[in-house]
Amino acid sequence: MYQDGKCYFCTHWYWDDAENEYELCGTWKFEKNYPDMPDYWHLQELDVEAFNGKLQDPHSLDVTVTSDCYEKIKAEGPSFL
């Protein structure tokens, strides 16, 4: 179904401490594993697409690999599974 090494895009939602809603686009890379083992999904990049329904400065939320937001989305995994 998914191709090994290919990247897929997924929409995620995140709420900060002030209850602001962010719509994010996650880029996930698929890694095929052995038949008896689960496959892997690696979060490659996270971008802010919208803030409370309006386009917003993409730097308004820290989405770097060291941020809490990135870790939360990474832990949730892609929503298309």
Protein backbone atom coordinates (compact mmCIF):
# COMPACT_ATOMS: atom_id res chain seq x y z
CA MET A 1 0.00 0.00 0.00
CA TYR A 2 2.71 2.49 0.98
CA GLN A 3 6.04 2.65 -0.88
CA ASP A 4 9.26 2.18 1.06
CA GLY A 5 11.25 5.42 1.34
CA LYS A 6 8.45 7.62 0.00
CA CYS A 7 7.18 10.70 1.87
CA TYR A 8 3.50 11.27 2.61
CA PHE A 9 1.71 14.37 3.89
CA CYS A 10 -0.78 14.48 6.73
CA THR A 11 -2.81 17.22 8.44
CA HIS A 12 -2.53 17.53 12.22
CA TRP A 13 -4.11 19.86 14.78
CA TYR A 14 -2.33 21.26 17.82
CA TRP A 15 -3.50 23.47 20.70
CA ASP A 16 -0.99 25.51 22.69
CA ASP A 17 -1.22 26.49 26.38
CA ALA A 18 -3.37 29.54 25.48
CA GLU A 19 -5.84 27.22 23.67
CA ASN A 20 -4.87 28.59 20.24
CA GLU A 21 -5.57 26.07 17.48
CA TYR A 22 -2.95 25.38 14.81
CA GLU A 23 -3.40 23.38 11.64
CA LEU A 24 -0.12 21.67 10.76
CA CYS A 25 1.16 19.72 7.77
CA GLY A 26 3.42 16.82 8.67
CA THR A 27 5.76 15.16 6.19
CA TRP A 28 6.13 11.48 7.08
CA LYS A 29 8.61 9.03 5.54
CA PHE A 30 7.53 5.39 5.32
CA GLU A 31 10.01 2.59 6.08
CA LYS A 32 9.01 -0.97 5.25
CA ASN A 33 10.06 -3.53 7.86
CA TYR A 34 10.29 -7.31 7.83
CA PRO A 35 6.96 -9.14 7.21
CA ASP A 36 6.60 -10.16 10.87
CA MET A 37 7.53 -6.72 12.23
CA PRO A 38 5.58 -3.43 12.16
CA ASP A 39 6.50 -0.79 9.59
CA TYR A 40 7.96 2.56 10.65
CA TRP A 41 6.85 6.14 10.09
CA HIS A 42 9.41 8.93 10.57
CA LEU A 43 8.28 12.54 10.95
CA GLN A 44 10.53 14.52 8.60
CA GLU A 45 9.08 18.02 8.79
CA LEU A 46 6.24 19.96 10.38
CA ASP A 47 4.83 23.22 8.97
CA VAL A 48 2.17 25.62 10.27
CA GLU A 49 -0.60 25.99 7.69
CA ALA A 50 -3.23 27.94 9.66
CA PHE A 51 -3.74 29.56 13.04
CA ASN A 52 -7.29 29.75 14.44
CA GLY A 53 -8.57 29.41 10.87
CA LYS A 54 -6.50 32.31 9.46
CA LEU A 55 -3.15 32.20 7.73
CA GLN A 56 -0.47 33.10 10.23
CA ASP A 57 3.24 33.75 10.34
CA PRO A 58 4.83 30.27 10.19
CA HIS A 59 7.20 31.25 13.01
CA SER A 60 4.36 31.82 15.49
CA LEU A 61 4.71 28.24 16.77
CA ASP A 62 7.96 26.37 17.34
CA VAL A 63 7.78 23.24 15.18
CA THR A 64 11.48 22.35 15.23
CA VAL A 65 12.55 18.80 16.12
CA THR A 66 13.28 19.84 19.72
CA SER A 67 9.88 21.42 20.38
CA ASP A 68 7.06 19.99 22.48
CA CYS A 69 4.72 20.36 19.50
CA TYR A 70 6.96 18.24 17.27
CA GLU A 71 7.31 15.55 19.93
CA LYS A 72 3.54 15.40 20.48
CA ILE A 73 2.77 15.06 16.77
CA LYS A 74 5.56 12.49 16.36
CA ALA A 75 4.13 10.42 19.22
CA GLU A 76 0.63 10.51 17.69
CA GLY A 77 1.87 9.33 14.30
CA PRO A 78 0.23 10.00 10.95
CA SER A 79 -3.57 10.19 11.02
CA PHE A 80 -4.08 8.25 7.78
CA LEU A 81 -3.21 4.93 9.43
